[in-house]
C-alpha atoms as a PDB file:
ATOM      1  CA  LEU A   1     -12.108   5.986   6.767  1.00  0.00           C
ATOM      2  CA  LYS A   2     -13.930   8.738   8.570  1.00  0.00           C
ATOM      3  CA  ARG A   3     -16.856   8.569   6.195  1.00  0.00           C
ATOM      4  CA  THR A   4     -20.413   7.908   7.145  1.00  0.00           C
ATOM      5  CA  ARG A   5     -21.652   7.285   3.600  1.00  0.00           C
ATOM      6  CA  LYS A   6     -20.442   4.637   1.221  1.00  0.00           C
ATOM      7  CA  THR A   7     -21.760   6.396  -1.884  1.00  0.00           C
ATOM      8  CA  PRO A   8     -22.313  10.050  -2.732  1.00  0.00           C
ATOM      9  CA  PRO A   9     -25.678  11.499  -1.662  1.00  0.00           C
ATOM     10  CA  MET A  10     -28.372  11.416  -4.323  1.00  0.00           C
ATOM     11  CA  ALA A  11     -26.252   9.146  -6.488  1.00  0.00           C
ATOM     12  CA  ASP A  12     -29.123   8.807  -8.958  1.00  0.00           C
ATOM     13  CA  SER A  13     -29.775  12.553  -9.215  1.00  0.00           C
ATOM     14  CA  GLY A  14     -27.292  13.222 -12.019  1.00  0.00           C
ATOM     15  CA  GLU A  15     -25.295  15.507  -9.729  1.00  0.00           C
ATOM     16  CA  VAL A  16     -21.617  15.747 -10.703  1.00  0.00           C
ATOM     17  CA  TYR A  17     -18.644  15.030  -8.445  1.00  0.00           C
ATOM     18  CA  CYS A  18     -14.870  14.919  -8.477  1.00  0.00           C
ATOM     19  CA  ILE A  19     -12.354  17.063 -10.349  1.00  0.00           C
ATOM     20  CA  CYS A  20     -13.618  15.463 -13.570  1.00  0.00           C
ATOM     21  CA  ARG A  21     -17.167  16.756 -12.848  1.00  0.00           C
ATOM     22  CA  GLN A  22     -18.809  13.449 -13.810  1.00  0.00           C
ATOM     23  CA  PRO A  23     -21.946  11.943 -12.256  1.00  0.00           C
ATOM     24  CA  TYR A  24     -21.787   9.046  -9.823  1.00  0.00           C
ATOM     25  CA  ASN A  25     -21.016   5.687 -11.439  1.00  0.00           C
ATOM     26  CA  ALA A  26     -21.398   2.616  -9.214  1.00  0.00           C
ATOM     27  CA  SER A  27     -18.693   0.744 -11.126  1.00  0.00           C
ATOM     28  CA  ARG A  28     -15.987   3.286 -10.182  1.00  0.00           C
ATOM     29  CA  PHE A  29     -14.417   3.549  -6.732  1.00  0.00           C
ATOM     30  CA  MET A  30     -14.993   6.911  -5.046  1.00  0.00           C
ATOM     31  CA  ILE A  31     -13.638   8.430  -1.849  1.00  0.00           C
ATOM     32  CA  GLU A  32     -15.042  11.319   0.207  1.00  0.00           C
ATOM     33  CA  CYS A  33     -12.863  14.234   1.316  1.00  0.00           C
ATOM     34  CA  GLY A  34     -12.985  14.572   5.095  1.00  0.00           C
ATOM     35  CA  VAL A  35     -12.813  18.367   4.850  1.00  0.00           C
ATOM     36  CA  CYS A  36     -14.998  19.594   1.964  1.00  0.00           C
ATOM     37  CA  ARG A  37     -17.162  16.408   1.881  1.00  0.00           C
ATOM     38  CA  ASP A  38     -17.023  16.223  -1.924  1.00  0.00           C
ATOM     39  CA  TRP A  39     -16.559  12.828  -3.572  1.00  0.00           C
ATOM     40  CA  PHE A  40     -13.707  11.892  -5.910  1.00  0.00           C
ATOM     41  CA  HIS A  41     -13.017   8.984  -8.239  1.00  0.00           C
ATOM     42  CA  GLY A  42      -9.959   7.167  -6.942  1.00  0.00           C
ATOM     43  CA  SER A  43      -8.495   7.112 -10.444  1.00  0.00           C
ATOM     44  CA  CYS A  44      -8.806  10.912 -10.721  1.00  0.00           C
ATOM     45  CA  VAL A  45      -6.997  11.592  -7.428  1.00  0.00           C
ATOM     46  CA  GLU A  46      -4.555   8.649  -7.580  1.00  0.00           C
ATOM     47  CA  VAL A  47      -6.045   6.649  -4.691  1.00  0.00           C
ATOM     48  CA  LEU A  48      -6.329   2.914  -5.244  1.00  0.00           C
ATOM     49  CA  GLU A  49      -9.357   1.228  -3.732  1.00  0.00           C
ATOM     50  CA  ASN A  50      -7.083  -1.305  -1.980  1.00  0.00           C
ATOM     51  CA  ASP A  51      -5.102   1.524  -0.363  1.00  0.00           C
ATOM     52  CA  ALA A  52      -8.200   3.389   0.846  1.00  0.00           C
ATOM     53  CA  ASP A  53      -8.521   1.107   3.890  1.00  0.00           C
ATOM     54  CA  ASP A  54      -5.211   2.503   5.165  1.00  0.00           C
ATOM     55  CA  ILE A  55      -6.472   6.107   5.030  1.00  0.00           C
ATOM     56  CA  ASP A  56      -7.924   7.486   8.257  1.00  0.00           C
ATOM     57  CA  GLU A  57      -9.087  10.777   6.735  1.00  0.00           C
ATOM     58  CA  TYR A  58      -8.796  11.579   3.038  1.00  0.00           C
ATOM     59  CA  HIS A  59      -8.001  15.150   1.914  1.00  0.00           C
ATOM     60  CA  CYS A  60      -8.685  16.010  -1.722  1.00  0.00           C
ATOM     61  CA  PRO A  61      -6.006  17.903  -3.704  1.00  0.00           C
ATOM     62  CA  THR A  62      -7.626  21.298  -2.949  1.00  0.00           C
ATOM     63  CA  CYS A  63      -8.097  20.679   0.790  1.00  0.00           C
ATOM     64  CA  ALA A  64      -4.635  19.109   1.116  1.00  0.00           C
ATOM     65  CA  ARG A  65      -3.101  22.496   0.249  1.00  0.00           C
ATOM     66  CA  LEU A  66      -4.875  24.107   3.224  1.00  0.00           C
ATOM     67  CA  HIS A  67      -5.178  21.239   5.714  1.00  0.00           C
ATOM     68  CA  GLY A  68      -2.243  18.987   4.869  1.00  0.00           C
ATOM     69  CA  SER A  69      -2.094  15.513   3.364  1.00  0.00           C
ATOM     70  CA  SER A  70      -4.533  12.749   4.124  1.00  0.00           C
ATOM     71  CA  THR A  71      -3.962  11.064   7.463  1.00  0.00           C
ATOM     72  CA  MET A  72      -3.208   7.375   7.559  1.00  0.00           C
ATOM     73  CA  LYS A  73      -4.406   4.830  10.088  1.00  0.00           C
ATOM     74  CA  ARG A  74      -1.880   3.704  12.676  1.00  0.00           C
ATOM     75  CA  HIS A  75      -0.897   0.059  12.229  1.00  0.00           C
ATOM     76  CA  LEU A  76      -1.374  -1.892  15.443  1.00  0.00           C
ATOM     77  CA  ASN A  77       0.319  -5.051  14.211  1.00  0.00           C
ATOM     78  CA  TRP A  78       2.372  -6.164  11.232  1.00  0.00           C
ATOM     79  CA  HIS A  79       1.920  -9.917  11.407  1.00  0.00           C
ATOM     80  CA  ARG A  80      -1.721 -10.096  10.300  1.00  0.00           C
ATOM     81  CA  HIS A  81      -3.484  -8.835   7.177  1.00  0.00           C
ATOM     82  CA  ASP A  82      -5.837  -6.776   9.386  1.00  0.00           C
ATOM     83  CA  SER A  83      -3.091  -4.578  10.807  1.00  0.00           C
ATOM     84  CA  PHE A  84      -5.534  -2.182  12.487  1.00  0.00           C
ATOM     85  CA  ASP A  85      -7.018  -4.713  14.931  1.00  0.00           C
ATOM     86  CA  SER A  86      -5.255  -4.620  18.296  1.00  0.00           C
ATOM     87  CA  ALA A  87      -6.819  -7.973  19.282  1.00  0.00           C
ATOM     88  CA  GLN A  88      -4.648  -9.711  16.667  1.00  0.00           C
ATOM     89  CA  SER A  89      -1.495  -9.634  18.829  1.00  0.00           C
ATOM     90  CA  SER A  90      -2.036 -13.147  20.204  1.00  0.00           C
ATOM     91  CA  LYS A  91      -2.675 -14.718  16.786  1.00  0.00           C
ATOM     92  CA  ALA A  92      -0.137 -16.482  14.571  1.00  0.00           C
ATOM     93  CA  VAL A  93       1.787 -14.786  11.797  1.00  0.00           C
ATOM     94  CA  GLN A  94      -0.194 -14.796   8.536  1.00  0.00           C
ATOM     95  CA  SER A  95       1.462 -15.725   5.255  1.00  0.00           C
ATOM     96  CA  GLY A  96       2.107 -12.822   2.926  1.00  0.00           C
ATOM     97  CA  THR A  97       2.609 -10.225   5.667  1.00  0.00           C
ATOM     98  CA  SER A  98       5.898  -8.340   5.999  1.00  0.00           C
ATOM     99  CA  VAL A  99       6.680 -10.239   9.228  1.00  0.00           C
ATOM    100  CA  PHE A 100       6.112 -13.585   7.461  1.00  0.00           C
ATOM    101  CA  VAL A 101       8.317 -12.589   4.522  1.00  0.00           C
ATOM    102  CA  ASN A 102      11.126 -11.429   6.850  1.00  0.00           C
ATOM    103  CA  GLN A 103      10.943 -14.682   8.837  1.00  0.00           C
ATOM    104  CA  LEU A 104      11.028 -16.695   5.619  1.00  0.00           C
ATOM    105  CA  VAL A 105      14.020 -14.774   4.251  1.00  0.00           C
ATOM    106  CA  ASN A 106      15.948 -15.288   7.504  1.00  0.00           C
ATOM    107  CA  ARG A 107      15.023 -18.968   7.886  1.00  0.00           C
ATOM    108  CA  LYS A 108      17.823 -21.517   7.497  1.00  0.00           C
ATOM    109  CA  PHE A 109      16.887 -24.475   5.318  1.00  0.00           C
ATOM    110  CA  SER A 110      18.616 -27.861   5.194  1.00  0.00           C
ATOM    111  CA  LYS A 111      20.828 -28.579   2.228  1.00  0.00           C
ATOM    112  CA  ALA A 112      19.125 -30.690  -0.422  1.00  0.00           C
ATOM    113  CA  ASP A 113      21.860 -33.336  -0.050  1.00  0.00           C
ATOM    114  CA  ALA A 114      20.770 -33.909   3.551  1.00  0.00           C
ATOM    115  CA  ILE A 115      17.133 -34.668   2.734  1.00  0.00           C
ATOM    116  CA  LEU A 116      17.041 -36.036  -0.822  1.00  0.00           C
ATOM    117  CA  MET A 117      17.966 -39.579  -1.703  1.00  0.00           C
ATOM    118  CA  LYS A 118      20.133 -39.755  -4.799  1.00  0.00           C
ATOM    119  CA  LEU A 119      19.606 -42.776  -7.005  1.00  0.00           C
ATOM    120  CA  PRO A 120      21.579 -43.840 -10.033  1.00  0.00           C
ATOM    121  CA  GLY A 121      19.422 -43.815 -13.148  1.00  0.00           C
ATOM    122  CA  SER A 122      19.488 -47.613 -13.353  1.00  0.00           C
ATOM    123  CA  ASP A 123      17.687 -47.836  -9.974  1.00  0.00           C
ATOM    124  CA  VAL A 124      14.753 -45.719 -11.151  1.00  0.00           C
ATOM    125  CA  THR A 125      12.512 -48.423 -12.566  1.00  0.00           C
ATOM    126  CA  VAL A 126       8.810 -49.172 -12.591  1.00  0.00           C
ATOM    127  CA  ALA A 127       9.422 -51.827  -9.914  1.00  0.00           C
ATOM    128  CA  HIS A 128      11.284 -49.314  -7.709  1.00  0.00           C
ATOM    129  CA  ARG A 129       8.516 -46.734  -8.038  1.00  0.00           C
ATOM    130  CA  SER A 130       5.830 -49.254  -7.091  1.00  0.00           C
ATOM    131  CA  GLU A 131       7.745 -50.094  -3.863  1.00  0.00           C
ATOM    132  CA  GLU A 132       7.129 -46.589  -2.525  1.00  0.00           C
END
């Protein structure tokens, strides 16, 4: 985010912020508008803390009317969880990413018959299990 401060200025001063006009509360996620520089609770402006990392410059509801929507960061890769790091291109695909999921969906797996040994029930005994 294009923010220089992690918390509102004078957080302990009792000053009020956001559209809800409440004082700063360290237990609630807040985001600063890149235009008016006011601070907003994510829950009040429908911004999840996890999604805030994808925002390049946040515009509050008032400023968005004049300056357009918030701008999002440009993804530099899709195979790593840190998709904004251009140095990640030479690294392996990370599990859970969209690239990983697509590769997994398109992967051809062997049929179970080709890799599993089928035994009749009479062969499954304590003696048989101890042989393995």
